[in-house]
Protein backbone atom coordinates (compact mmCIF):
# COMPACT_ATOMS: atom_id res chain seq x y z
CA UNK A 1 0.00 0.00 0.00
CA UNK A 2 1.27 3.40 -0.92
CA UNK A 3 0.71 6.35 1.38
CA UNK A 4 1.43 9.98 0.59
CA UNK A 5 2.77 12.29 3.28
CA UNK A 6 2.36 15.98 2.48
CA UNK A 7 4.34 18.28 4.77
CA UNK A 8 3.44 21.97 5.00
CA UNK A 9 5.88 24.78 5.79
CA UNK A 10 4.23 25.37 9.19
CA UNK A 11 5.21 21.83 10.28
CA UNK A 12 1.73 20.34 9.97
CA UNK A 13 1.22 17.46 7.58
CA UNK A 14 -1.31 15.08 6.05
CA UNK A 15 -1.06 11.34 5.38
CA UNK A 16 -3.33 10.02 2.61
CA UNK A 17 -4.14 6.29 2.51
CA UNK A 18 -6.75 4.28 0.59
CA UNK A 19 -9.89 3.84 2.67
CA UNK A 20 -9.90 0.03 2.43
CA UNK A 21 -6.67 -0.19 4.44
CA UNK A 22 -6.94 2.99 6.51
CA UNK A 23 -8.57 1.08 9.38
CA UNK A 24 -5.26 -0.53 10.32
CA UNK A 25 -3.43 2.80 10.33
CA UNK A 26 -6.25 4.41 12.35
CA UNK A 27 -6.06 1.58 14.92
CA UNK A 28 -2.29 2.01 15.26
CA UNK A 29 -2.69 5.76 15.76
CA UNK A 30 -5.24 5.20 18.51
CA UNK A 31 -2.99 2.58 20.10
CA UNK A 32 -0.23 5.19 20.27
CA UNK A 33 -2.64 7.82 21.63
CA UNK A 34 -2.26 9.99 18.52
CA UNK A 35 -5.28 12.03 17.46
CA UNK A 36 -5.70 13.00 13.82
CA UNK A 37 -8.35 14.82 11.86
CA UNK A 38 -9.81 12.73 9.03
CA UNK A 39 -11.14 13.75 5.63
CA UNK A 40 -12.45 11.36 2.99
CA UNK A 41 -11.53 12.09 -0.62
CA UNK A 42 -11.23 10.37 -3.99
CA UNK A 43 -7.69 9.44 -5.11
CA UNK A 44 -7.34 7.93 -8.59
CA UNK A 45 -10.99 6.89 -8.61
CA UNK A 46 -10.69 5.19 -5.20
CA UNK A 47 -11.83 6.46 -1.83
CA UNK A 48 -8.97 7.62 0.39
CA UNK A 49 -8.66 9.00 3.90
CA UNK A 50 -6.43 11.97 4.64
CA UNK A 51 -5.21 12.01 8.25
CA UNK A 52 -4.19 15.52 9.34
CA UNK A 53 -1.60 16.19 12.04
CA UNK A 54 -0.46 19.43 13.63
CA UNK A 55 3.13 20.44 14.19
CA UNK A 56 3.11 19.01 17.76
CA UNK A 57 3.48 15.52 16.29
CA UNK A 58 6.82 14.68 14.68
CA UNK A 59 6.54 13.58 11.06
CA UNK A 60 9.29 11.02 11.76
CA UNK A 61 7.06 9.32 14.34
CA UNK A 62 4.29 8.92 11.79
CA UNK A 63 6.74 7.69 9.14
CA UNK A 64 7.97 5.03 11.60
CA UNK A 65 4.36 4.02 12.22
CA UNK A 66 3.74 3.75 8.45
CA UNK A 67 6.78 1.49 8.18
CA UNK A 68 5.56 -0.59 11.13
CA UNK A 69 2.18 -1.27 9.50
CA UNK A 70 3.92 -2.11 6.23
CA UNK A 71 3.01 0.89 4.08
CA UNK A 72 5.39 2.28 1.50
CA UNK A 73 5.19 6.04 1.45
CA UNK A 74 6.51 9.14 -0.20
CA UNK A 75 6.99 12.44 1.59
CA UNK A 76 6.46 15.66 -0.36
CA UNK A 77 6.76 19.26 0.82
CA UNK A 78 3.84 21.56 -0.03
CA UNK A 79 3.40 25.28 0.53
PDB file of N, CA and C in Angstrom:
ATOM      1  N   UNK A   1       0.847  -1.186   0.000  1.00  0.00           N
ATOM      2  CA  UNK A   1       0.000   0.000   0.000  1.00  0.00           C
ATOM      3  C   UNK A   1       0.875   1.226   0.000  1.00  0.00           C
ATOM      4  N   UNK A   2       0.523   2.157  -0.821  1.00  0.00           N
ATOM      5  CA  UNK A   2       1.273   3.401  -0.922  1.00  0.00           C
ATOM      6  C   UNK A   2       0.536   4.505  -0.173  1.00  0.00           C
ATOM      7  N   UNK A   3       1.252   5.197   0.674  1.00  0.00           N
ATOM      8  CA  UNK A   3       0.711   6.350   1.384  1.00  0.00           C
ATOM      9  C   UNK A   3       1.462   7.581   0.910  1.00  0.00           C
ATOM     10  N   UNK A   4       0.802   8.722   0.956  1.00  0.00           N
ATOM     11  CA  UNK A   4       1.434   9.978   0.591  1.00  0.00           C
ATOM     12  C   UNK A   4       1.442  10.885   1.815  1.00  0.00           C
ATOM     13  N   UNK A   5       2.623  11.374   2.158  1.00  0.00           N
ATOM     14  CA  UNK A   5       2.774  12.290   3.283  1.00  0.00           C
ATOM     15  C   UNK A   5       3.070  13.664   2.705  1.00  0.00           C
ATOM     16  N   UNK A   6       2.184  14.617   2.957  1.00  0.00           N
ATOM     17  CA  UNK A   6       2.364  15.984   2.479  1.00  0.00           C
ATOM     18  C   UNK A   6       2.696  16.871   3.663  1.00  0.00           C
ATOM     19  N   UNK A   7       3.895  17.447   3.663  1.00  0.00           N
ATOM     20  CA  UNK A   7       4.339  18.278   4.774  1.00  0.00           C
ATOM     21  C   UNK A   7       4.266  19.747   4.403  1.00  0.00           C
ATOM     22  N   UNK A   8       3.586  20.542   5.241  1.00  0.00           N
ATOM     23  CA  UNK A   8       3.442  21.975   4.996  1.00  0.00           C
ATOM     24  C   UNK A   8       4.571  22.740   5.676  1.00  0.00           C
ATOM     25  N   UNK A   9       4.794  23.957   5.239  1.00  0.00           N
ATOM     26  CA  UNK A   9       5.876  24.778   5.790  1.00  0.00           C
ATOM     27  C   UNK A   9       5.702  25.061   7.279  1.00  0.00           C
ATOM     28  N   UNK A  10       4.464  25.082   7.764  1.00  0.00           N
ATOM     29  CA  UNK A  10       4.233  25.368   9.188  1.00  0.00           C
ATOM     30  C   UNK A  10       4.488  24.154  10.086  1.00  0.00           C
ATOM     31  N   UNK A  11       4.902  23.031   9.491  1.00  0.00           N
ATOM     32  CA  UNK A  11       5.206  21.832  10.276  1.00  0.00           C
ATOM     33  C   UNK A  11       4.052  20.860  10.387  1.00  0.00           C
ATOM     34  N   UNK A  12       2.853  21.269   9.979  1.00  0.00           N
ATOM     35  CA  UNK A  12       1.731  20.340   9.973  1.00  0.00           C
ATOM     36  C   UNK A  12       1.848  19.454   8.733  1.00  0.00           C
ATOM     37  N   UNK A  13       1.145  18.337   8.745  1.00  0.00           N
ATOM     38  CA  UNK A  13       1.220  17.456   7.579  1.00  0.00           C
ATOM     39  C   UNK A  13      -0.007  16.571   7.494  1.00  0.00           C
ATOM     40  N   UNK A  14      -0.184  15.954   6.323  1.00  0.00           N
ATOM     41  CA  UNK A  14      -1.308  15.079   6.047  1.00  0.00           C
ATOM     42  C   UNK A  14      -0.782  13.770   5.482  1.00  0.00           C
ATOM     43  N   UNK A  15      -1.390  12.659   5.915  1.00  0.00           N
ATOM     44  CA  UNK A  15      -1.063  11.339   5.382  1.00  0.00           C
ATOM     45  C   UNK A  15      -2.310  10.819   4.681  1.00  0.00           C
ATOM     46  N   UNK A  16      -2.191  10.507   3.390  1.00  0.00           N
ATOM     47  CA  UNK A  16      -3.329  10.024   2.606  1.00  0.00           C
ATOM     48  C   UNK A  16      -3.148   8.541   2.304  1.00  0.00           C
ATOM     49  N   UNK A  17      -4.168   7.744   2.666  1.00  0.00           N
ATOM     50  CA  UNK A  17      -4.140   6.286   2.512  1.00  0.00           C
ATOM     51  C   UNK A  17      -5.487   5.833   1.965  1.00  0.00           C
ATOM     52  N   UNK A  18      -5.481   4.819   1.102  1.00  0.00           N
ATOM     53  CA  UNK A  18      -6.750   4.285   0.587  1.00  0.00           C
ATOM     54  C   UNK A  18      -7.633   3.831   1.740  1.00  0.00           C
ATOM     55  N   UNK A  19      -8.925   4.112   1.609  1.00  0.00           N
ATOM     56  CA  UNK A  19      -9.890   3.836   2.666  1.00  0.00           C
ATOM     57  C   UNK A  19      -9.934   2.359   3.074  1.00  0.00           C
ATOM     58  N   UNK A  20      -9.761   1.458   2.118  1.00  0.00           N
ATOM     59  CA  UNK A  20      -9.903   0.027   2.427  1.00  0.00           C
ATOM     60  C   UNK A  20      -8.835  -0.474   3.396  1.00  0.00           C
ATOM     61  N   UNK A  21      -7.716   0.228   3.509  1.00  0.00           N
ATOM     62  CA  UNK A  21      -6.667  -0.188   4.438  1.00  0.00           C
ATOM     63  C   UNK A  21      -6.417   0.838   5.544  1.00  0.00           C
ATOM     64  N   UNK A  22      -7.147   1.936   5.519  1.00  0.00           N
ATOM     65  CA  UNK A  22      -6.943   2.994   6.506  1.00  0.00           C
ATOM     66  C   UNK A  22      -7.307   2.557   7.916  1.00  0.00           C
ATOM     67  N   UNK A  23      -8.154   1.547   8.041  1.00  0.00           N
ATOM     68  CA  UNK A  23      -8.568   1.084   9.379  1.00  0.00           C
ATOM     69  C   UNK A  23      -7.378   0.633  10.211  1.00  0.00           C
ATOM     70  N   UNK A  24      -6.433  -0.061   9.591  1.00  0.00           N
ATOM     71  CA  UNK A  24      -5.262  -0.531  10.323  1.00  0.00           C
ATOM     72  C   UNK A  24      -4.421   0.653  10.808  1.00  0.00           C
ATOM     73  N   UNK A  25      -4.200   1.625   9.953  1.00  0.00           N
ATOM     74  CA  UNK A  25      -3.429   2.801  10.328  1.00  0.00           C
ATOM     75  C   UNK A  25      -4.135   3.562  11.450  1.00  0.00           C
ATOM     76  N   UNK A  26      -5.453   3.725  11.333  1.00  0.00           N
ATOM     77  CA  UNK A  26      -6.253   4.405  12.348  1.00  0.00           C
ATOM     78  C   UNK A  26      -6.122   3.692  13.692  1.00  0.00           C
ATOM     79  N   UNK A  27      -6.180   2.360  13.679  1.00  0.00           N
ATOM     80  CA  UNK A  27      -6.063   1.580  14.917  1.00  0.00           C
ATOM     81  C   UNK A  27      -4.684   1.763  15.552  1.00  0.00           C
ATOM     82  N   UNK A  28      -3.647   1.801  14.728  1.00  0.00           N
ATOM     83  CA  UNK A  28      -2.293   2.007  15.256  1.00  0.00           C
ATOM     84  C   UNK A  28      -2.146   3.404  15.859  1.00  0.00           C
ATOM     85  N   UNK A  29      -2.730   4.408  15.209  1.00  0.00           N
ATOM     86  CA  UNK A  29      -2.688   5.757  15.758  1.00  0.00           C
ATOM     87  C   UNK A  29      -3.345   5.795  17.130  1.00  0.00           C
ATOM     88  N   UNK A  30      -4.526   5.213  17.236  1.00  0.00           N
ATOM     89  CA  UNK A  30      -5.243   5.196  18.513  1.00  0.00           C
ATOM     90  C   UNK A  30      -4.450   4.448  19.575  1.00  0.00           C
ATOM     91  N   UNK A  31      -3.807   3.347  19.172  1.00  0.00           N
ATOM     92  CA  UNK A  31      -2.990   2.582  20.103  1.00  0.00           C
ATOM     93  C   UNK A  31      -1.823   3.385  20.646  1.00  0.00           C
ATOM     94  N   UNK A  32      -1.337   4.326  19.856  1.00  0.00           N
ATOM     95  CA  UNK A  32      -0.230   5.191  20.267  1.00  0.00           C
ATOM     96  C   UNK A  32      -0.740   6.465  20.941  1.00  0.00           C
ATOM     97  N   UNK A  33      -2.062   6.622  21.016  1.00  0.00           N
ATOM     98  CA  UNK A  33      -2.640   7.818  21.629  1.00  0.00           C
ATOM     99  C   UNK A  33      -2.525   9.059  20.767  1.00  0.00           C
ATOM    100  N   UNK A  34      -2.404   8.872  19.456  1.00  0.00           N
ATOM    101  CA  UNK A  34      -2.261   9.990  18.517  1.00  0.00           C
ATOM    102  C   UNK A  34      -3.623  10.317  17.915  1.00  0.00           C
ATOM    103  N   UNK A  35      -4.004  11.576  18.008  1.00  0.00           N
ATOM    104  CA  UNK A  35      -5.280  12.034  17.464  1.00  0.00           C
ATOM    105  C   UNK A  35      -5.024  12.718  16.124  1.00  0.00           C
ATOM    106  N   UNK A  36      -5.833  12.401  15.145  1.00  0.00           N
ATOM    107  CA  UNK A  36      -5.704  13.003  13.818  1.00  0.00           C
ATOM    108  C   UNK A  36      -7.082  13.376  13.296  1.00  0.00           C
ATOM    109  N   UNK A  37      -7.136  14.484  12.572  1.00  0.00           N
ATOM    110  CA  UNK A  37      -8.350  14.821  11.856  1.00  0.00           C
ATOM    111  C   UNK A  37      -8.438  13.924  10.630  1.00  0.00           C
ATOM    112  N   UNK A  38      -9.648  13.608  10.196  1.00  0.00           N
ATOM    113  CA  UNK A  38      -9.813  12.733   9.029  1.00  0.00           C
ATOM    114  C   UNK A  38     -10.735  13.368   8.008  1.00  0.00           C
ATOM    115  N   UNK A  39     -10.336  13.268   6.745  1.00  0.00           N
ATOM    116  CA  UNK A  39     -11.136  13.753   5.628  1.00  0.00           C
ATOM    117  C   UNK A  39     -11.150  12.680   4.552  1.00  0.00           C
ATOM    118  N   UNK A  40     -12.330  12.344   4.060  1.00  0.00           N
ATOM    119  CA  UNK A  40     -12.451  11.359   2.992  1.00  0.00           C
ATOM    120  C   UNK A  40     -12.384  12.082   1.655  1.00  0.00           C
ATOM    121  N   UNK A  41     -11.656  11.493   0.710  1.00  0.00           N
ATOM    122  CA  UNK A  41     -11.534  12.085  -0.622  1.00  0.00           C
ATOM    123  C   UNK A  41     -11.450  10.962  -1.654  1.00  0.00           C
ATOM    124  N   UNK A  42     -11.380  11.335  -2.903  1.00  0.00           N
ATOM    125  CA  UNK A  42     -11.227  10.367  -3.987  1.00  0.00           C
ATOM    126  C   UNK A  42      -9.818  10.530  -4.553  1.00  0.00           C
ATOM    127  N   UNK A  43      -9.068   9.425  -4.609  1.00  0.00           N
ATOM    128  CA  UNK A  43      -7.692   9.443  -5.114  1.00  0.00           C
ATOM    129  C   UNK A  43      -7.581   8.400  -6.225  1.00  0.00           C
ATOM    130  N   UNK A  44      -7.440   8.850  -7.468  1.00  0.00           N
ATOM    131  CA  UNK A  44      -7.339   7.932  -8.593  1.00  0.00           C
ATOM    132  C   UNK A  44      -8.570   7.070  -8.765  1.00  0.00           C
ATOM    133  N   UNK A  45      -9.737   7.627  -8.464  1.00  0.00           N
ATOM    134  CA  UNK A  45     -10.990   6.891  -8.608  1.00  0.00           C
ATOM    135  C   UNK A  45     -11.316   6.004  -7.421  1.00  0.00           C
ATOM    136  N   UNK A  46     -10.451   5.991  -6.396  1.00  0.00           N
ATOM    137  CA  UNK A  46     -10.695   5.185  -5.201  1.00  0.00           C
ATOM    138  C   UNK A  46     -10.832   6.105  -3.994  1.00  0.00           C
ATOM    139  N   UNK A  47     -11.634   5.665  -3.032  1.00  0.00           N
ATOM    140  CA  UNK A  47     -11.826   6.457  -1.830  1.00  0.00           C
ATOM    141  C   UNK A  47     -10.583   6.379  -0.948  1.00  0.00           C
ATOM    142  N   UNK A  48     -10.145   7.536  -0.469  1.00  0.00           N
ATOM    143  CA  UNK A  48      -8.965   7.619   0.388  1.00  0.00           C
ATOM    144  C   UNK A  48      -9.315   8.411   1.643  1.00  0.00           C
ATOM    145  N   UNK A  49      -8.510   8.228   2.674  1.00  0.00           N
ATOM    146  CA  UNK A  49      -8.659   8.997   3.902  1.00  0.00           C
ATOM    147  C   UNK A  49      -7.389   9.808   4.097  1.00  0.00           C
ATOM    148  N   UNK A  50      -7.562  11.109   4.325  1.00  0.00           N
ATOM    149  CA  UNK A  50      -6.428  11.975   4.637  1.00  0.00           C
ATOM    150  C   UNK A  50      -6.443  12.213   6.138  1.00  0.00           C
ATOM    151  N   UNK A  51      -5.379  11.796   6.815  1.00  0.00           N
ATOM    152  CA  UNK A  51      -5.215  12.013   8.247  1.00  0.00           C
ATOM    153  C   UNK A  51      -4.375  13.274   8.420  1.00  0.00           C
ATOM    154  N   UNK A  52      -4.892  14.246   9.155  1.00  0.00           N
ATOM    155  CA  UNK A  52      -4.191  15.521   9.340  1.00  0.00           C
ATOM    156  C   UNK A  52      -3.588  15.604  10.733  1.00  0.00           C
ATOM    157  N   UNK A  53      -2.336  16.068  10.783  1.00  0.00           N
ATOM    158  CA  UNK A  53      -1.602  16.185  12.037  1.00  0.00           C
ATOM    159  C   UNK A  53      -1.071  17.598  12.177  1.00  0.00           C
ATOM    160  N   UNK A  54      -1.031  18.103  13.418  1.00  0.00           N
ATOM    161  CA  UNK A  54      -0.457  19.430  13.625  1.00  0.00           C
ATOM    162  C   UNK A  54       1.037  19.305  13.899  1.00  0.00           C
ATOM    163  N   UNK A  55       1.684  20.436  14.046  1.00  0.00           N
ATOM    164  CA  UNK A  55       3.130  20.440  14.194  1.00  0.00           C
ATOM    165  C   UNK A  55       3.609  19.895  15.538  1.00  0.00           C
ATOM    166  N   UNK A  56       2.715  19.579  16.462  1.00  0.00           N
ATOM    167  CA  UNK A  56       3.112  19.011  17.756  1.00  0.00           C
ATOM    168  C   UNK A  56       3.506  17.539  17.625  1.00  0.00           C
ATOM    169  N   UNK A  57       3.149  16.917  16.535  1.00  0.00           N
ATOM    170  CA  UNK A  57       3.480  15.520  16.292  1.00  0.00           C
ATOM    171  C   UNK A  57       4.606  15.472  15.263  1.00  0.00           C
ATOM    172  N   UNK A  58       5.664  14.754  15.583  1.00  0.00           N
ATOM    173  CA  UNK A  58       6.823  14.682  14.678  1.00  0.00           C
ATOM    174  C   UNK A  58       6.491  13.816  13.470  1.00  0.00           C
ATOM    175  N   UNK A  59       6.794  14.331  12.291  1.00  0.00           N
ATOM    176  CA  UNK A  59       6.537  13.583  11.062  1.00  0.00           C
ATOM    177  C   UNK A  59       7.309  12.262  11.071  1.00  0.00           C
ATOM    178  N   UNK A  60       8.487  12.250  11.698  1.00  0.00           N
ATOM    179  CA  UNK A  60       9.288  11.024  11.764  1.00  0.00           C
ATOM    180  C   UNK A  60       8.576   9.927  12.544  1.00  0.00           C
ATOM    181  N   UNK A  61       7.824  10.315  13.577  1.00  0.00           N
ATOM    182  CA  UNK A  61       7.060   9.322  14.345  1.00  0.00           C
ATOM    183  C   UNK A  61       5.988   8.670  13.488  1.00  0.00           C
ATOM    184  N   UNK A  62       5.334   9.462  12.654  1.00  0.00           N
ATOM    185  CA  UNK A  62       4.287   8.919  11.786  1.00  0.00           C
ATOM    186  C   UNK A  62       4.916   8.070  10.682  1.00  0.00           C
ATOM    187  N   UNK A  63       6.056   8.491  10.159  1.00  0.00           N
ATOM    188  CA  UNK A  63       6.738   7.690   9.137  1.00  0.00           C
ATOM    189  C   UNK A  63       7.154   6.334   9.705  1.00  0.00           C
ATOM    190  N   UNK A  64       7.630   6.313  10.952  1.00  0.00           N
ATOM    191  CA  UNK A  64       7.969   5.028  11.601  1.00  0.00           C
ATOM    192  C   UNK A  64       6.728   4.149  11.742  1.00  0.00           C
ATOM    193  N   UNK A  65       5.602   4.763  12.082  1.00  0.00           N
ATOM    194  CA  UNK A  65       4.356   4.016  12.215  1.00  0.00           C
ATOM    195  C   UNK A  65       3.911   3.460  10.856  1.00  0.00           C
ATOM    196  N   UNK A  66       4.070   4.236   9.798  1.00  0.00           N
ATOM    197  CA  UNK A  66       3.743   3.749   8.453  1.00  0.00           C
ATOM    198  C   UNK A  66       4.610   2.546   8.093  1.00  0.00           C
ATOM    199  N   UNK A  67       5.888   2.616   8.433  1.00  0.00           N
ATOM    200  CA  UNK A  67       6.775   1.486   8.177  1.00  0.00           C
ATOM    201  C   UNK A  67       6.362   0.271   8.997  1.00  0.00           C
ATOM    202  N   UNK A  68       5.971   0.498  10.238  1.00  0.00           N
ATOM    203  CA  UNK A  68       5.556  -0.594  11.126  1.00  0.00           C
ATOM    204  C   UNK A  68       4.351  -1.345  10.572  1.00  0.00           C
ATOM    205  N   UNK A  69       3.382  -0.610  10.031  1.00  0.00           N
ATOM    206  CA  UNK A  69       2.184  -1.268   9.502  1.00  0.00           C
ATOM    207  C   UNK A  69       2.384  -1.761   8.076  1.00  0.00           C
ATOM    208  N   UNK A  70       3.584  -1.540   7.530  1.00  0.00           N
ATOM    209  CA  UNK A  70       3.924  -2.106   6.230  1.00  0.00           C
ATOM    210  C   UNK A  70       3.539  -1.278   5.027  1.00  0.00           C
ATOM    211  N   UNK A  71       3.365   0.036   5.206  1.00  0.00           N
ATOM    212  CA  UNK A  71       3.013   0.895   4.080  1.00  0.00           C
ATOM    213  C   UNK A  71       4.266   1.523   3.489  1.00  0.00           C
ATOM    214  N   UNK A  72       4.395   1.459   2.171  1.00  0.00           N
ATOM    215  CA  UNK A  72       5.392   2.277   1.497  1.00  0.00           C
ATOM    216  C   UNK A  72       4.825   3.681   1.454  1.00  0.00           C
ATOM    217  N   UNK A  73       5.697   4.669   1.481  1.00  0.00           N
ATOM    218  CA  UNK A  73       5.186   6.035   1.449  1.00  0.00           C
ATOM    219  C   UNK A  73       6.185   6.959   0.783  1.00  0.00           C
ATOM    220  N   UNK A  74       5.664   8.067   0.306  1.00  0.00           N
ATOM    221  CA  UNK A  74       6.509   9.144  -0.203  1.00  0.00           C
ATOM    222  C   UNK A  74       6.178  10.388   0.597  1.00  0.00           C
ATOM    223  N   UNK A  75       7.182  11.186   0.867  1.00  0.00           N
ATOM    224  CA  UNK A  75       6.989  12.445   1.594  1.00  0.00           C
ATOM    225  C   UNK A  75       7.278  13.596   0.640  1.00  0.00           C
ATOM    226  N   UNK A  76       6.330  14.509   0.553  1.00  0.00           N
ATOM    227  CA  UNK A  76       6.455  15.657  -0.361  1.00  0.00           C
ATOM    228  C   UNK A  76       6.199  16.947   0.405  1.00  0.00           C
ATOM    229  N   UNK A  77       7.044  17.945   0.215  1.00  0.00           N
ATOM    230  CA  UNK A  77       6.759  19.255   0.817  1.00  0.00           C
ATOM    231  C   UNK A  77       5.717  19.998  -0.013  1.00  0.00           C
ATOM    232  N   UNK A  78       4.822  20.702   0.655  1.00  0.00           N
ATOM    233  CA  UNK A  78       3.839  21.557  -0.030  1.00  0.00           C
ATOM    234  C   UNK A  78       3.857  22.920   0.649  1.00  0.00           C
ATOM    235  N   UNK A  79       3.402  23.934  -0.070  1.00  0.00           N
ATOM    236  CA  UNK A  79       3.401  25.284   0.534  1.00  0.00           C
ATOM    237  C   UNK A  79       2.153  25.559   1.304  1.00  0.00           C
TER     238      UNK A  79
END
